[in-house]
C-alpha atoms as a PDB file:
ATOM      1  CA  UNK A   1      66.707 103.463 146.073  1.00  0.00           C
ATOM      2  CA  UNK A   2      69.751 105.370 144.919  1.00  0.00           C
ATOM      3  CA  UNK A   3      68.870 109.197 145.123  1.00  0.00           C
ATOM      4  CA  UNK A   4      70.622 111.598 142.484  1.00  0.00           C
ATOM      5  CA  UNK A   5      72.356 114.264 145.189  1.00  0.00           C
ATOM      6  CA  UNK A   6      72.460 117.109 142.387  1.00  0.00           C
ATOM      7  CA  UNK A   7      68.857 116.397 140.935  1.00  0.00           C
ATOM      8  CA  UNK A   8      67.618 116.747 143.930  1.00  0.00           C
ATOM      9  CA  UNK A   9      69.438 119.812 145.418  1.00  0.00           C
ATOM     10  CA  UNK A  10      68.433 121.330 141.919  1.00  0.00           C
ATOM     11  CA  UNK A  11      64.953 119.958 142.435  1.00  0.00           C
ATOM     12  CA  UNK A  12      64.726 121.442 145.884  1.00  0.00           C
ATOM     13  CA  UNK A  13      66.186 124.777 145.095  1.00  0.00           C
ATOM     14  CA  UNK A  14      63.951 125.445 141.948  1.00  0.00           C
ATOM     15  CA  UNK A  15      60.659 124.659 143.661  1.00  0.00           C
ATOM     16  CA  UNK A  16      61.762 127.708 146.647  1.00  0.00           C
ATOM     17  CA  UNK A  17      61.983 130.336 144.035  1.00  0.00           C
ATOM     18  CA  UNK A  18      59.380 133.106 144.920  1.00  0.00           C
ATOM     19  CA  UNK A  19      58.874 131.543 148.477  1.00  0.00           C
ATOM     20  CA  UNK A  20      59.827 132.256 152.300  1.00  0.00           C
ATOM     21  CA  UNK A  21      62.993 130.380 151.364  1.00  0.00           C
ATOM     22  CA  UNK A  22      64.233 132.577 148.944  1.00  0.00           C
ATOM     23  CA  UNK A  23      63.276 135.642 151.022  1.00  0.00           C
ATOM     24  CA  UNK A  24      65.892 134.112 153.829  1.00  0.00           C
ATOM     25  CA  UNK A  25      67.843 132.695 151.053  1.00  0.00           C
ATOM     26  CA  UNK A  26      67.829 129.374 151.884  1.00  0.00           C
ATOM     27  CA  UNK A  27      69.361 127.150 149.722  1.00  0.00           C
ATOM     28  CA  UNK A  28      69.502 123.583 149.374  1.00  0.00           C
ATOM     29  CA  UNK A  29      73.455 121.987 149.133  1.00  0.00           C
ATOM     30  CA  UNK A  30      73.275 118.031 149.721  1.00  0.00           C
ATOM     31  CA  UNK A  31      71.022 114.799 149.951  1.00  0.00           C
ATOM     32  CA  UNK A  32      71.231 111.556 150.563  1.00  0.00           C
ATOM     33  CA  UNK A  33      69.393 108.444 151.812  1.00  0.00           C
ATOM     34  CA  UNK A  34      67.273 109.884 154.392  1.00  0.00           C
ATOM     35  CA  UNK A  35      68.473 113.376 154.831  1.00  0.00           C
ATOM     36  CA  UNK A  36      68.913 116.659 153.351  1.00  0.00           C
ATOM     37  CA  UNK A  37      71.119 119.686 154.381  1.00  0.00           C
ATOM     38  CA  UNK A  38      70.497 123.456 153.553  1.00  0.00           C
ATOM     39  CA  UNK A  39      72.274 126.692 154.270  1.00  0.00           C
ATOM     40  CA  UNK A  40      71.024 130.100 155.592  1.00  0.00           C
ATOM     41  CA  UNK A  41      73.339 133.206 155.752  1.00  0.00           C
ATOM     42  CA  UNK A  42      73.006 134.908 158.793  1.00  0.00           C
ATOM     43  CA  UNK A  43      72.952 138.693 158.426  1.00  0.00           C
ATOM     44  CA  UNK A  44      70.740 141.772 159.580  1.00  0.00           C
ATOM     45  CA  UNK A  45      67.715 140.803 157.268  1.00  0.00           C
ATOM     46  CA  UNK A  46      67.680 137.605 159.714  1.00  0.00           C
ATOM     47  CA  UNK A  47      68.694 139.157 163.125  1.00  0.00           C
ATOM     48  CA  UNK A  48      66.186 140.064 166.082  1.00  0.00           C
ATOM     49  CA  UNK A  49      66.408 143.603 167.467  1.00  0.00           C
ATOM     50  CA  UNK A  50      69.499 142.304 169.681  1.00  0.00           C
ATOM     51  CA  UNK A  51      71.282 141.728 166.637  1.00  0.00           C
ATOM     52  CA  UNK A  52      71.208 137.624 167.040  1.00  0.00           C
ATOM     53  CA  UNK A  53      69.666 134.991 164.682  1.00  0.00           C
ATOM     54  CA  UNK A  54      65.889 135.058 165.638  1.00  0.00           C
ATOM     55  CA  UNK A  55      64.137 131.900 166.633  1.00  0.00           C
ATOM     56  CA  UNK A  56      61.577 132.232 163.916  1.00  0.00           C
ATOM     57  CA  UNK A  57      64.189 132.350 161.067  1.00  0.00           C
ATOM     58  CA  UNK A  58      66.066 129.122 162.657  1.00  0.00           C
ATOM     59  CA  UNK A  59      62.786 127.395 162.835  1.00  0.00           C
ATOM     60  CA  UNK A  60      61.649 128.670 159.367  1.00  0.00           C
ATOM     61  CA  UNK A  61      65.041 127.169 158.245  1.00  0.00           C
ATOM     62  CA  UNK A  62      63.980 123.802 160.026  1.00  0.00           C
ATOM     63  CA  UNK A  63      60.629 123.415 158.857  1.00  0.00           C
ATOM     64  CA  UNK A  64      61.874 124.452 155.211  1.00  0.00           C
ATOM     65  CA  UNK A  65      64.163 121.573 154.878  1.00  0.00           C
ATOM     66  CA  UNK A  66      62.309 119.092 156.868  1.00  0.00           C
ATOM     67  CA  UNK A  67      58.975 119.219 154.878  1.00  0.00           C
ATOM     68  CA  UNK A  68      61.297 119.567 151.569  1.00  0.00           C
ATOM     69  CA  UNK A  69      63.077 116.211 152.562  1.00  0.00           C
ATOM     70  CA  UNK A  70      59.528 114.094 153.307  1.00  0.00           C
ATOM     71  CA  UNK A  71      59.222 114.793 149.358  1.00  0.00           C
ATOM     72  CA  UNK A  72      61.807 111.934 148.856  1.00  0.00           C
ATOM     73  CA  UNK A  73      59.364 109.471 150.405  1.00  0.00           C
ATOM     74  CA  UNK A  74      55.762 110.303 148.828  1.00  0.00           C
ATOM     75  CA  UNK A  75      54.413 110.276 145.134  1.00  0.00           C
ATOM     76  CA  UNK A  76      54.368 114.124 144.622  1.00  0.00           C
ATOM     77  CA  UNK A  77      51.818 113.630 141.775  1.00  0.00           C
ATOM     78  CA  UNK A  78      48.949 112.062 144.332  1.00  0.00           C
ATOM     79  CA  UNK A  79      50.074 113.372 147.251  1.00  0.00           C
ATOM     80  CA  UNK A  80      51.889 116.208 149.385  1.00  0.00           C
ATOM     81  CA  UNK A  81      52.882 117.245 152.662  1.00  0.00           C
ATOM     82  CA  UNK A  82      51.936 119.817 155.689  1.00  0.00           C
ATOM     83  CA  UNK A  83      53.805 120.390 158.757  1.00  0.00           C
ATOM     84  CA  UNK A  84      51.362 119.630 161.632  1.00  0.00           C
ATOM     85  CA  UNK A  85      53.887 120.674 164.809  1.00  0.00           C
ATOM     86  CA  UNK A  86      57.504 121.498 165.012  1.00  0.00           C
ATOM     87  CA  UNK A  87      59.359 122.567 168.372  1.00  0.00           C
ATOM     88  CA  UNK A  88      63.007 123.932 169.080  1.00  0.00           C
ATOM     89  CA  UNK A  89      65.059 124.276 171.281  1.00  0.00           C
ATOM     90  CA  UNK A  90      67.743 127.240 170.433  1.00  0.00           C
ATOM     91  CA  UNK A  91      71.146 126.597 171.939  1.00  0.00           C
ATOM     92  CA  UNK A  92      73.434 128.982 171.421  1.00  0.00           C
ATOM     93  CA  UNK A  93      73.720 132.289 169.031  1.00  0.00           C
ATOM     94  CA  UNK A  94      75.185 133.628 166.436  1.00  0.00           C
ATOM     95  CA  UNK A  95      75.526 137.081 164.993  1.00  0.00           C
ATOM     96  CA  UNK A  96      77.039 136.248 161.510  1.00  0.00           C
ATOM     97  CA  UNK A  97      77.782 133.497 159.499  1.00  0.00           C
ATOM     98  CA  UNK A  98      76.046 130.746 157.805  1.00  0.00           C
ATOM     99  CA  UNK A  99      73.990 128.348 159.741  1.00  0.00           C
ATOM    100  CA  UNK A 100      73.652 124.957 157.953  1.00  0.00           C
ATOM    101  CA  UNK A 101      70.375 122.335 158.545  1.00  0.00           C
ATOM    102  CA  UNK A 102      70.153 118.893 158.486  1.00  0.00           C
ATOM    103  CA  UNK A 103      66.971 116.936 158.333  1.00  0.00           C
ATOM    104  CA  UNK A 104      67.529 113.552 158.771  1.00  0.00           C
ATOM    105  CA  UNK A 105      64.465 110.768 158.979  1.00  0.00           C
ATOM    106  CA  UNK A 106      63.293 109.736 162.337  1.00  0.00           C
ATOM    107  CA  UNK A 107      60.186 107.464 161.331  1.00  0.00           C
ATOM    108  CA  UNK A 108      58.939 107.305 158.440  1.00  0.00           C
ATOM    109  CA  UNK A 109      55.453 106.164 158.289  1.00  0.00           C
ATOM    110  CA  UNK A 110      52.597 106.192 155.063  1.00  0.00           C
ATOM    111  CA  UNK A 111      50.492 109.270 156.841  1.00  0.00           C
ATOM    112  CA  UNK A 112      53.457 110.781 159.344  1.00  0.00           C
ATOM    113  CA  UNK A 113      57.369 111.599 158.946  1.00  0.00           C
ATOM    114  CA  UNK A 114      59.032 112.559 161.951  1.00  0.00           C
ATOM    115  CA  UNK A 115      62.317 114.446 161.350  1.00  0.00           C
ATOM    116  CA  UNK A 116      65.278 115.849 163.659  1.00  0.00           C
ATOM    117  CA  UNK A 117      66.537 119.005 162.192  1.00  0.00           C
ATOM    118  CA  UNK A 118      70.422 120.278 163.922  1.00  0.00           C
ATOM    119  CA  UNK A 119      71.279 123.482 162.704  1.00  0.00           C
ATOM    120  CA  UNK A 120      74.798 124.023 163.381  1.00  0.00           C
ATOM    121  CA  UNK A 121      76.962 127.204 162.334  1.00  0.00           C
ATOM    122  CA  UNK A 122      80.143 126.904 160.536  1.00  0.00           C
ATOM    123  CA  UNK A 123      82.293 125.229 162.967  1.00  0.00           C
ATOM    124  CA  UNK A 124      79.604 122.473 163.558  1.00  0.00           C
ATOM    125  CA  UNK A 125      78.440 123.970 166.924  1.00  0.00           C
ATOM    126  CA  UNK A 126      74.902 123.207 167.375  1.00  0.00           C
ATOM    127  CA  UNK A 127      72.717 126.477 167.210  1.00  0.00           C
ATOM    128  CA  UNK A 128      69.211 124.851 167.750  1.00  0.00           C
ATOM    129  CA  UNK A 129      67.311 121.330 167.761  1.00  0.00           C
ATOM    130  CA  UNK A 130      64.408 121.072 166.208  1.00  0.00           C
ATOM    131  CA  UNK A 131      61.414 118.019 165.754  1.00  0.00           C
ATOM    132  CA  UNK A 132      59.484 118.257 162.581  1.00  0.00           C
ATOM    133  CA  UNK A 133      55.926 116.364 161.881  1.00  0.00           C
ATOM    134  CA  UNK A 134      54.880 116.017 158.530  1.00  0.00           C
ATOM    135  CA  UNK A 135      51.400 114.642 157.569  1.00  0.00           C
ATOM    136  CA  UNK A 136      51.108 113.240 153.988  1.00  0.00           C
ATOM    137  CA  UNK A 137      47.603 113.712 152.256  1.00  0.00           C
ATOM    138  CA  UNK A 138      46.687 112.807 149.071  1.00  0.00           C
ATOM    139  CA  UNK A 139      45.478 115.344 146.760  1.00  0.00           C
ATOM    140  CA  UNK A 140      41.794 116.360 146.239  1.00  0.00           C
ATOM    141  CA  UNK A 141      40.656 117.283 142.952  1.00  0.00           C
ATOM    142  CA  UNK A 142      39.987 120.609 142.327  1.00  0.00           C
ATOM    143  CA  UNK A 143      35.691 120.401 142.824  1.00  0.00           C
ATOM    144  CA  UNK A 144      34.034 121.795 139.447  1.00  0.00           C
END
């Protein structure tokens, strides 16, 4: 399957309107076979009280990019994705700049996707390492 990087990035950015991703200024910037990349500015809106990037903002970034990436492997008309578990190790702090989250598929099953998401700074230093498990569900028809 050949992926059109520009279409994927535009699609991901379009479905982020009026969501937490827009609130956190998360922008999808690159895609390819088995990976998706997003960036998020680090500024006071995502700081914890000590002036550092909040771990929760990092986890929100990781889950956003990993969940969006699962859409590569489903039929969006018939299926939907739910994050069911996420873990994060915060390895380095950052006060300002931009962080980049790269989600790479580890396991692509019919009902479960496992993603590794590396969050790095502008110098490619590892800030957080996350693992996300997504469940693929069949969409249910609305009851009448």
